[in-house]
All heavy atoms as atom14 arrays in JSON, in Angstrom:
{
  "sequence": "DDDADRVETALGLLRERYSDGRSGIVLEQVAGGYAFRASREA",
  "atom14_mask": [
    [1, 1, 1, 1, 1, 1, 1, 1, 0, 0, 0, 0, 0, 0],
    [1, 1, 1, 1, 1, 1, 1, 1, 0, 0, 0, 0, 0, 0],
    [1, 1, 1, 1, 1, 1, 1, 1, 0, 0, 0, 0, 0, 0],
    [1, 1, 1, 1, 1, 0, 0, 0, 0, 0, 0, 0, 0, 0],
    [1, 1, 1, 1, 1, 1, 1, 1, 0, 0, 0, 0, 0, 0],
    [1, 1, 1, 1, 1, 1, 1, 1, 1, 1, 1, 0, 0, 0],
    [1, 1, 1, 1, 1, 1, 1, 0, 0, 0, 0, 0, 0, 0],
    [1, 1, 1, 1, 1, 1, 1, 1, 1, 0, 0, 0, 0, 0],
    [1, 1, 1, 1, 1, 1, 1, 0, 0, 0, 0, 0, 0, 0],
    [1, 1, 1, 1, 1, 0, 0, 0, 0, 0, 0, 0, 0, 0],
    [1, 1, 1, 1, 1, 1, 1, 1, 0, 0, 0, 0, 0, 0],
    [1, 1, 1, 1, 0, 0, 0, 0, 0, 0, 0, 0, 0, 0],
    [1, 1, 1, 1, 1, 1, 1, 1, 0, 0, 0, 0, 0, 0],
    [1, 1, 1, 1, 1, 1, 1, 1, 0, 0, 0, 0, 0, 0],
    [1, 1, 1, 1, 1, 1, 1, 1, 1, 1, 1, 0, 0, 0],
    [1, 1, 1, 1, 1, 1, 1, 1, 1, 0, 0, 0, 0, 0],
    [1, 1, 1, 1, 1, 1, 1, 1, 1, 1, 1, 0, 0, 0],
    [1, 1, 1, 1, 1, 1, 1, 1, 1, 1, 1, 1, 0, 0],
    [1, 1, 1, 1, 1, 1, 0, 0, 0, 0, 0, 0, 0, 0],
    [1, 1, 1, 1, 1, 1, 1, 1, 0, 0, 0, 0, 0, 0],
    [1, 1, 1, 1, 0, 0, 0, 0, 0, 0, 0, 0, 0, 0],
    [1, 1, 1, 1, 1, 1, 1, 1, 1, 1, 1, 0, 0, 0],
    [1, 1, 1, 1, 1, 1, 0, 0, 0, 0, 0, 0, 0, 0],
    [1, 1, 1, 1, 0, 0, 0, 0, 0, 0, 0, 0, 0, 0],
    [1, 1, 1, 1, 1, 1, 1, 1, 0, 0, 0, 0, 0, 0],
    [1, 1, 1, 1, 1, 1, 1, 0, 0, 0, 0, 0, 0, 0],
    [1, 1, 1, 1, 1, 1, 1, 1, 0, 0, 0, 0, 0, 0],
    [1, 1, 1, 1, 1, 1, 1, 1, 1, 0, 0, 0, 0, 0],
    [1, 1, 1, 1, 1, 1, 1, 1, 1, 0, 0, 0, 0, 0],
    [1, 1, 1, 1, 1, 1, 1, 0, 0, 0, 0, 0, 0, 0],
    [1, 1, 1, 1, 1, 0, 0, 0, 0, 0, 0, 0, 0, 0],
    [1, 1, 1, 1, 0, 0, 0, 0, 0, 0, 0, 0, 0, 0],
    [1, 1, 1, 1, 0, 0, 0, 0, 0, 0, 0, 0, 0, 0],
    [1, 1, 1, 1, 1, 1, 1, 1, 1, 1, 1, 1, 0, 0],
    [1, 1, 1, 1, 1, 0, 0, 0, 0, 0, 0, 0, 0, 0],
    [1, 1, 1, 1, 1, 1, 1, 1, 1, 1, 1, 0, 0, 0],
    [1, 1, 1, 1, 1, 1, 1, 1, 1, 1, 1, 0, 0, 0],
    [1, 1, 1, 1, 1, 0, 0, 0, 0, 0, 0, 0, 0, 0],
    [1, 1, 1, 1, 1, 1, 0, 0, 0, 0, 0, 0, 0, 0],
    [1, 1, 1, 1, 1, 1, 1, 1, 1, 1, 1, 0, 0, 0],
    [1, 1, 1, 1, 1, 1, 1, 1, 1, 0, 0, 0, 0, 0],
    [1, 1, 1, 1, 1, 0, 0, 0, 0, 0, 0, 0, 0, 0]
  ],
  "atom14_positions": [
    [[-44.12, -56.66, -38.45], [-45.08, -57.31, -37.55], [-46.05, -56.27, -36.97], [-46.22, -56.16, -35.76], [-44.34, -58.05, -36.43], [-45.27, -59.01, -35.67], [-46.3, -59.42, -36.25], [-44.98, -59.32, -34.5], [0.0, 0.0, 0.0], [0.0, 0.0, 0.0], [0.0, 0.0, 0.0], [0.0, 0.0, 0.0], [0.0, 0.0, 0.0], [0.0, 0.0, 0.0]],
    [[-46.64, -55.5, -37.89], [-47.53, -54.42, -37.48], [-48.69, -54.33, -38.47], [-48.73, -55.03, -39.47], [-46.76, -53.09, -37.41], [-47.32, -52.17, -36.33], [-48.55, -51.98, -36.29], [-46.52, -51.64, -35.54], [0.0, 0.0, 0.0], [0.0, 0.0, 0.0], [0.0, 0.0, 0.0], [0.0, 0.0, 0.0], [0.0, 0.0, 0.0], [0.0, 0.0, 0.0]],
    [[-49.61, -53.45, -38.18], [-50.83, -53.26, -38.96], [-50.55, -52.43, -40.22], [-49.79, -51.46, -40.17], [-51.85, -52.54, -38.06], [-53.16, -52.32, -38.76], [-53.84, -53.31, -39.03], [-53.47, -51.15, -39.06], [0.0, 0.0, 0.0], [0.0, 0.0, 0.0], [0.0, 0.0, 0.0], [0.0, 0.0, 0.0], [0.0, 0.0, 0.0], [0.0, 0.0, 0.0]],
    [[-51.18, -52.8, -41.35], [-50.97, -52.11, -42.63], [-51.36, -50.63, -42.54], [-50.68, -49.77, -43.12], [-51.75, -52.8, -43.74], [0.0, 0.0, 0.0], [0.0, 0.0, 0.0], [0.0, 0.0, 0.0], [0.0, 0.0, 0.0], [0.0, 0.0, 0.0], [0.0, 0.0, 0.0], [0.0, 0.0, 0.0], [0.0, 0.0, 0.0], [0.0, 0.0, 0.0]],
    [[-52.44, -50.31, -41.82], [-52.86, -48.91, -41.69], [-51.81, -48.08, -40.96], [-51.53, -46.93, -41.33], [-54.2, -48.8, -40.94], [-55.36, -49.29, -41.8], [-55.21, -49.31, -43.03], [-56.41, -49.66, -41.23], [0.0, 0.0, 0.0], [0.0, 0.0, 0.0], [0.0, 0.0, 0.0], [0.0, 0.0, 0.0], [0.0, 0.0, 0.0], [0.0, 0.0, 0.0]],
    [[-51.22, -48.68, -39.92], [-50.17, -47.97, -39.18], [-48.91, -47.8, -40.05], [-48.22, -46.79, -39.97], [-49.85, -48.7, -37.88], [-50.89, -48.43, -36.79], [-50.73, -49.34, -35.56], [-49.36, -49.59, -35.14], [-48.64, -48.78, -34.35], [-49.18, -47.67, -33.87], [-47.41, -49.11, -34.0], [0.0, 0.0, 0.0], [0.0, 0.0, 0.0], [0.0, 0.0, 0.0]],
    [[-48.65, -48.8, -40.89], [-47.5, -48.7, -41.8], [-47.72, -47.56, -42.78], [-46.81, -46.79, -43.08], [-47.25, -50.04, -42.53], [-46.28, -49.86, -43.7], [-46.72, -51.09, -41.56], [0.0, 0.0, 0.0], [0.0, 0.0, 0.0], [0.0, 0.0, 0.0], [0.0, 0.0, 0.0], [0.0, 0.0, 0.0], [0.0, 0.0, 0.0], [0.0, 0.0, 0.0]],
    [[-48.97, -47.41, -43.27], [-49.3, -46.29, -44.17], [-49.03, -44.95, -43.48], [-48.49, -44.03, -44.07], [-50.78, -46.35, -44.58], [-51.12, -47.5, -45.51], [-51.01, -47.12, -46.99], [-50.36, -46.11, -47.3], [-51.55, -47.87, -47.8], [0.0, 0.0, 0.0], [0.0, 0.0, 0.0], [0.0, 0.0, 0.0], [0.0, 0.0, 0.0], [0.0, 0.0, 0.0]],
    [[-49.41, -44.86, -42.2], [-49.17, -43.63, -41.43], [-47.67, -43.37, -41.28], [-47.19, -42.25, -41.45], [-49.82, -43.72, -40.03], [-51.21, -44.01, -40.19], [-49.66, -42.44, -39.24], [0.0, 0.0, 0.0], [0.0, 0.0, 0.0], [0.0, 0.0, 0.0], [0.0, 0.0, 0.0], [0.0, 0.0, 0.0], [0.0, 0.0, 0.0], [0.0, 0.0, 0.0]],
    [[-46.92, -44.45, -41.0], [-45.46, -44.34, -40.87], [-44.84, -43.9, -42.2], [-43.92, -43.06, -42.22], [-44.87, -45.68, -40.43], [0.0, 0.0, 0.0], [0.0, 0.0, 0.0], [0.0, 0.0, 0.0], [0.0, 0.0, 0.0], [0.0, 0.0, 0.0], [0.0, 0.0, 0.0], [0.0, 0.0, 0.0], [0.0, 0.0, 0.0], [0.0, 0.0, 0.0]],
    [[-45.35, -44.42, -43.31], [-44.85, -44.01, -44.62], [-45.11, -42.53, -44.88], [-44.3, -41.84, -45.5], [-45.49, -44.87, -45.73], [-44.95, -46.3, -45.86], [-45.89, -47.15, -46.71], [-43.54, -46.3, -46.47], [0.0, 0.0, 0.0], [0.0, 0.0, 0.0], [0.0, 0.0, 0.0], [0.0, 0.0, 0.0], [0.0, 0.0, 0.0], [0.0, 0.0, 0.0]],
    [[-46.26, -42.04, -44.39], [-46.57, -40.62, -44.51], [-45.54, -39.77, -43.79], [-45.1, -38.72, -44.31], [0.0, 0.0, 0.0], [0.0, 0.0, 0.0], [0.0, 0.0, 0.0], [0.0, 0.0, 0.0], [0.0, 0.0, 0.0], [0.0, 0.0, 0.0], [0.0, 0.0, 0.0], [0.0, 0.0, 0.0], [0.0, 0.0, 0.0], [0.0, 0.0, 0.0]],
    [[-45.13, -40.21, -42.59], [-44.08, -39.48, -41.85], [-42.77, -39.48, -42.63], [-42.08, -38.46, -42.72], [-43.85, -40.13, -40.48], [-44.94, -39.99, -39.42], [-44.56, -40.78, -38.17], [-45.14, -38.52, -39.07], [0.0, 0.0, 0.0], [0.0, 0.0, 0.0], [0.0, 0.0, 0.0], [0.0, 0.0, 0.0], [0.0, 0.0, 0.0], [0.0, 0.0, 0.0]],
    [[-42.43, -40.65, -43.19], [-41.18, -40.75, -43.94], [-41.22, -39.92, -45.23], [-40.22, -39.36, -45.64], [-40.88, -42.22, -44.28], [-40.53, -43.12, -43.1], [-40.38, -44.57, -43.54], [-39.25, -42.63, -42.42], [0.0, 0.0, 0.0], [0.0, 0.0, 0.0], [0.0, 0.0, 0.0], [0.0, 0.0, 0.0], [0.0, 0.0, 0.0], [0.0, 0.0, 0.0]],
    [[-42.41, -39.86, -45.85], [-42.56, -39.07, -47.07], [-42.25, -37.6, -46.79], [-41.62, -36.92, -47.59], [-43.98, -39.24, -47.62], [-44.02, -39.28, -49.14], [-45.43, -39.48, -49.66], [-45.8, -40.86, -49.75], [-46.79, -41.42, -49.05], [-47.5, -40.71, -48.2], [-47.08, -42.69, -49.19], [0.0, 0.0, 0.0], [0.0, 0.0, 0.0], [0.0, 0.0, 0.0]],
    [[-42.72, -37.12, -45.63], [-42.42, -35.73, -45.25], [-40.93, -35.55, -44.98], [-40.32, -34.59, -45.41], [-43.2, -35.36, -43.98], [-44.66, -35.07, -44.22], [-45.39, -34.76, -42.91], [-44.77, -34.12, -42.03], [-46.55, -35.17, -42.78], [0.0, 0.0, 0.0], [0.0, 0.0, 0.0], [0.0, 0.0, 0.0], [0.0, 0.0, 0.0], [0.0, 0.0, 0.0]],
    [[-40.37, -36.51, -44.24], [-38.96, -36.42, -43.86], [-38.05, -36.49, -45.08], [-37.02, -35.83, -45.14], [-38.65, -37.57, -42.9], [-37.31, -37.48, -42.21], [-37.12, -38.61, -41.22], [-38.16, -38.64, -40.21], [-38.48, -39.7, -39.46], [-37.81, -40.83, -39.62], [-39.43, -39.64, -38.57], [0.0, 0.0, 0.0], [0.0, 0.0, 0.0], [0.0, 0.0, 0.0]],
    [[-38.41, -37.36, -46.04], [-37.58, -37.57, -47.22], [-38.25, -37.02, -48.47], [-38.48, -37.73, -49.43], [-37.29, -39.06, -47.41], [-36.42, -39.64, -46.33], [-36.96, -40.41, -45.31], [-35.04, -39.41, -46.33], [-36.15, -40.94, -44.31], [-34.24, -39.94, -45.34], [-34.8, -40.7, -44.33], [-33.99, -41.22, -43.36], [0.0, 0.0, 0.0], [0.0, 0.0, 0.0]],
    [[-38.56, -35.75, -48.48], [-39.18, -35.14, -49.67], [-38.12, -34.37, -50.43], [-37.09, -33.98, -49.88], [-40.33, -34.23, -49.27], [-39.87, -33.21, -48.41], [0.0, 0.0, 0.0], [0.0, 0.0, 0.0], [0.0, 0.0, 0.0], [0.0, 0.0, 0.0], [0.0, 0.0, 0.0], [0.0, 0.0, 0.0], [0.0, 0.0, 0.0], [0.0, 0.0, 0.0]],
    [[-38.35, -34.18, -51.74], [-37.4, -33.44, -52.58], [-37.16, -32.06, -51.98], [-38.09, -31.37, -51.59], [-37.96, -33.29, -54.0], [-37.15, -34.08, -55.01], [-35.96, -34.32, -54.75], [-37.72, -34.47, -56.05], [0.0, 0.0, 0.0], [0.0, 0.0, 0.0], [0.0, 0.0, 0.0], [0.0, 0.0, 0.0], [0.0, 0.0, 0.0], [0.0, 0.0, 0.0]],
    [[-35.89, -31.67, -51.91], [-35.55, -30.36, -51.37], [-35.22, -30.39, -49.89], [-34.62, -29.46, -49.37], [0.0, 0.0, 0.0], [0.0, 0.0, 0.0], [0.0, 0.0, 0.0], [0.0, 0.0, 0.0], [0.0, 0.0, 0.0], [0.0, 0.0, 0.0], [0.0, 0.0, 0.0], [0.0, 0.0, 0.0], [0.0, 0.0, 0.0], [0.0, 0.0, 0.0]],
    [[-35.62, -31.47, -49.19], [-35.33, -31.57, -47.75], [-34.22, -32.56, -47.46], [-33.64, -32.54, -46.39], [-36.59, -32.01, -46.99], [-37.7, -30.98, -47.01], [-38.8, -31.36, -46.05], [-38.32, -31.28, -44.68], [-39.02, -31.65, -43.62], [-40.23, -32.11, -43.76], [-38.53, -31.55, -42.41], [0.0, 0.0, 0.0], [0.0, 0.0, 0.0], [0.0, 0.0, 0.0]],
    [[-33.98, -33.48, -48.4], [-33.02, -34.55, -48.15], [-32.37, -34.97, -49.47], [-32.94, -34.76, -50.54], [-33.75, -35.74, -47.52], [-32.91, -36.87, -47.46], [0.0, 0.0, 0.0], [0.0, 0.0, 0.0], [0.0, 0.0, 0.0], [0.0, 0.0, 0.0], [0.0, 0.0, 0.0], [0.0, 0.0, 0.0], [0.0, 0.0, 0.0], [0.0, 0.0, 0.0]],
    [[-31.21, -35.58, -49.37], [-30.55, -36.13, -50.56], [-31.17, -37.44, -50.99], [-30.88, -37.96, -52.07], [0.0, 0.0, 0.0], [0.0, 0.0, 0.0], [0.0, 0.0, 0.0], [0.0, 0.0, 0.0], [0.0, 0.0, 0.0], [0.0, 0.0, 0.0], [0.0, 0.0, 0.0], [0.0, 0.0, 0.0], [0.0, 0.0, 0.0], [0.0, 0.0, 0.0]],
    [[-32.02, -37.99, -50.13], [-32.73, -39.25, -50.41], [-34.22, -38.93, -50.45], [-34.72, -38.16, -49.63], [-32.44, -40.29, -49.32], [-30.96, -40.63, -49.3], [-33.27, -41.55, -49.53], [-30.55, -41.44, -48.1], [0.0, 0.0, 0.0], [0.0, 0.0, 0.0], [0.0, 0.0, 0.0], [0.0, 0.0, 0.0], [0.0, 0.0, 0.0], [0.0, 0.0, 0.0]],
    [[-34.93, -39.54, -51.41], [-36.36, -39.3, -51.57], [-37.1, -40.63, -51.47], [-36.65, -41.63, -52.03], [-36.64, -38.64, -52.94], [-38.12, -38.45, -53.17], [-35.92, -37.3, -53.05], [0.0, 0.0, 0.0], [0.0, 0.0, 0.0], [0.0, 0.0, 0.0], [0.0, 0.0, 0.0], [0.0, 0.0, 0.0], [0.0, 0.0, 0.0], [0.0, 0.0, 0.0]],
    [[-38.22, -40.63, -50.74], [-39.07, -41.82, -50.69], [-40.06, -41.72, -51.83], [-40.74, -40.71, -52.0], [-39.82, -41.88, -49.34], [-40.81, -43.05, -49.21], [-40.08, -44.4, -49.23], [-41.62, -42.92, -47.92], [0.0, 0.0, 0.0], [0.0, 0.0, 0.0], [0.0, 0.0, 0.0], [0.0, 0.0, 0.0], [0.0, 0.0, 0.0], [0.0, 0.0, 0.0]],
    [[-40.13, -42.78, -52.65], [-41.07, -42.76, -53.76], [-41.91, -44.03, -53.8], [-41.48, -45.09, -53.34], [-40.35, -42.57, -55.09], [-39.45, -43.72, -55.48], [-38.78, -43.53, -56.83], [-39.13, -42.58, -57.55], [-37.92, -44.35, -57.17], [0.0, 0.0, 0.0], [0.0, 0.0, 0.0], [0.0, 0.0, 0.0], [0.0, 0.0, 0.0], [0.0, 0.0, 0.0]],
    [[-43.11, -43.9, -54.35], [-43.98, -45.05, -54.57], [-43.74, -45.47, -56.01], [-43.98, -44.71, -56.95], [-45.44, -44.65, -54.37], [-46.36, -45.86, -54.31], [-47.75, -45.48, -53.84], [-48.02, -44.33, -53.53], [-48.63, -46.46, -53.79], [0.0, 0.0, 0.0], [0.0, 0.0, 0.0], [0.0, 0.0, 0.0], [0.0, 0.0, 0.0], [0.0, 0.0, 0.0]],
    [[-43.2, -46.67, -56.2], [-42.78, -47.09, -57.53], [-42.83, -48.61, -57.62], [-42.64, -49.31, -56.62], [-41.35, -46.56, -57.81], [-40.33, -47.17, -56.87], [-40.94, -46.77, -59.24], [0.0, 0.0, 0.0], [0.0, 0.0, 0.0], [0.0, 0.0, 0.0], [0.0, 0.0, 0.0], [0.0, 0.0, 0.0], [0.0, 0.0, 0.0], [0.0, 0.0, 0.0]],
    [[-43.11, -49.12, -58.83], [-43.1, -50.56, -59.1], [-43.93, -51.34, -58.09], [-43.55, -52.41, -57.63], [-41.67, -51.09, -59.14], [0.0, 0.0, 0.0], [0.0, 0.0, 0.0], [0.0, 0.0, 0.0], [0.0, 0.0, 0.0], [0.0, 0.0, 0.0], [0.0, 0.0, 0.0], [0.0, 0.0, 0.0], [0.0, 0.0, 0.0], [0.0, 0.0, 0.0]],
    [[-45.09, -50.79, -57.71], [-45.99, -51.5, -56.8], [-45.59, -51.48, -55.34], [-46.12, -52.22, -54.52], [0.0, 0.0, 0.0], [0.0, 0.0, 0.0], [0.0, 0.0, 0.0], [0.0, 0.0, 0.0], [0.0, 0.0, 0.0], [0.0, 0.0, 0.0], [0.0, 0.0, 0.0], [0.0, 0.0, 0.0], [0.0, 0.0, 0.0], [0.0, 0.0, 0.0]],
    [[-44.63, -50.64, -54.98], [-44.19, -50.59, -53.59], [-43.53, -49.25, -53.28], [-43.72, -48.27, -53.99], [0.0, 0.0, 0.0], [0.0, 0.0, 0.0], [0.0, 0.0, 0.0], [0.0, 0.0, 0.0], [0.0, 0.0, 0.0], [0.0, 0.0, 0.0], [0.0, 0.0, 0.0], [0.0, 0.0, 0.0], [0.0, 0.0, 0.0], [0.0, 0.0, 0.0]],
    [[-42.73, -49.23, -52.22], [-42.03, -48.02, -51.79], [-40.53, -48.29, -51.79], [-40.08, -49.4, -51.47], [-42.47, -47.61, -50.38], [-43.89, -47.09, -50.36], [-44.96, -47.97, -50.25], [-44.16, -45.73, -50.47], [-46.27, -47.49, -50.24], [-45.45, -45.25, -50.47], [-46.51, -46.14, -50.35], [-47.8, -45.67, -50.36], [0.0, 0.0, 0.0], [0.0, 0.0, 0.0]],
    [[-39.76, -47.26, -52.14], [-38.3, -47.39, -52.17], [-37.67, -46.01, -52.02], [-38.3, -44.99, -52.29], [-37.85, -48.03, -53.48], [0.0, 0.0, 0.0], [0.0, 0.0, 0.0], [0.0, 0.0, 0.0], [0.0, 0.0, 0.0], [0.0, 0.0, 0.0], [0.0, 0.0, 0.0], [0.0, 0.0, 0.0], [0.0, 0.0, 0.0], [0.0, 0.0, 0.0]],
    [[-36.43, -46.01, -51.58], [-35.65, -44.78, -51.53], [-34.88, -44.64, -52.84], [-34.46, -45.63, -53.43], [-34.65, -44.8, -50.37], [-35.28, -44.58, -49.02], [-35.16, -45.53, -48.01], [-35.99, -43.42, -48.75], [-35.73, -45.32, -46.77], [-36.56, -43.2, -47.51], [-36.43, -44.16, -46.52], [0.0, 0.0, 0.0], [0.0, 0.0, 0.0], [0.0, 0.0, 0.0]],
    [[-34.69, -43.41, -53.29], [-33.82, -43.12, -54.43], [-33.08, -41.82, -54.13], [-33.47, -41.07, -53.24], [-34.61, -42.99, -55.73], [-35.53, -41.79, -55.77], [-36.0, -41.48, -57.19], [-37.03, -40.47, -57.21], [-36.82, -39.16, -57.11], [-35.6, -38.69, -56.95], [-37.83, -38.3, -57.14], [0.0, 0.0, 0.0], [0.0, 0.0, 0.0], [0.0, 0.0, 0.0]],
    [[-32.03, -41.57, -54.89], [-31.3, -40.31, -54.73], [-32.18, -39.17, -55.23], [-32.94, -39.33, -56.18], [-30.01, -40.36, -55.53], [0.0, 0.0, 0.0], [0.0, 0.0, 0.0], [0.0, 0.0, 0.0], [0.0, 0.0, 0.0], [0.0, 0.0, 0.0], [0.0, 0.0, 0.0], [0.0, 0.0, 0.0], [0.0, 0.0, 0.0], [0.0, 0.0, 0.0]],
    [[-32.09, -38.03, -54.58], [-32.83, -36.85, -55.04], [-32.27, -36.43, -56.39], [-31.15, -36.8, -56.76], [-32.7, -35.7, -54.05], [-31.35, -35.26, -54.01], [0.0, 0.0, 0.0], [0.0, 0.0, 0.0], [0.0, 0.0, 0.0], [0.0, 0.0, 0.0], [0.0, 0.0, 0.0], [0.0, 0.0, 0.0], [0.0, 0.0, 0.0], [0.0, 0.0, 0.0]],
    [[-33.05, -35.63, -57.14], [-32.59, -35.2, -58.47], [-31.26, -34.45, -58.39], [-30.39, -34.64, -59.22], [-33.67, -34.32, -59.12], [-34.82, -35.13, -59.64], [-35.89, -34.29, -60.32], [-36.97, -35.12, -60.79], [-37.94, -35.6, -60.04], [-37.96, -35.33, -58.75], [-38.88, -36.37, -60.54], [0.0, 0.0, 0.0], [0.0, 0.0, 0.0], [0.0, 0.0, 0.0]],
    [[-31.1, -33.61, -57.37], [-29.87, -32.82, -57.28], [-28.66, -33.68, -56.94], [-27.52, -33.3, -57.21], [-30.01, -31.67, -56.28], [-30.28, -32.11, -54.86], [-30.59, -30.96, -53.92], [-31.08, -29.92, -54.4], [-30.36, -31.13, -52.72], [0.0, 0.0, 0.0], [0.0, 0.0, 0.0], [0.0, 0.0, 0.0], [0.0, 0.0, 0.0], [0.0, 0.0, 0.0]],
    [[-28.89, -34.87, -56.36], [-27.77, -35.75, -56.0], [-27.55, -36.88, -56.99], [-26.56, -37.6, -56.9], [-28.01, -36.33, -54.6], [0.0, 0.0, 0.0], [0.0, 0.0, 0.0], [0.0, 0.0, 0.0], [0.0, 0.0, 0.0], [0.0, 0.0, 0.0], [0.0, 0.0, 0.0], [0.0, 0.0, 0.0], [0.0, 0.0, 0.0], [0.0, 0.0, 0.0]]
  ]
}
């Protein structure tokens, strides 16, 4: 229940938080949307 532009900004924060090498979970843009997946090392 929020604005799409603000959601994009929030996704940017999550992308930093869940980037390869920083977490066992990675945020990726896939299949027309966003999803979490296990990092390559996990």
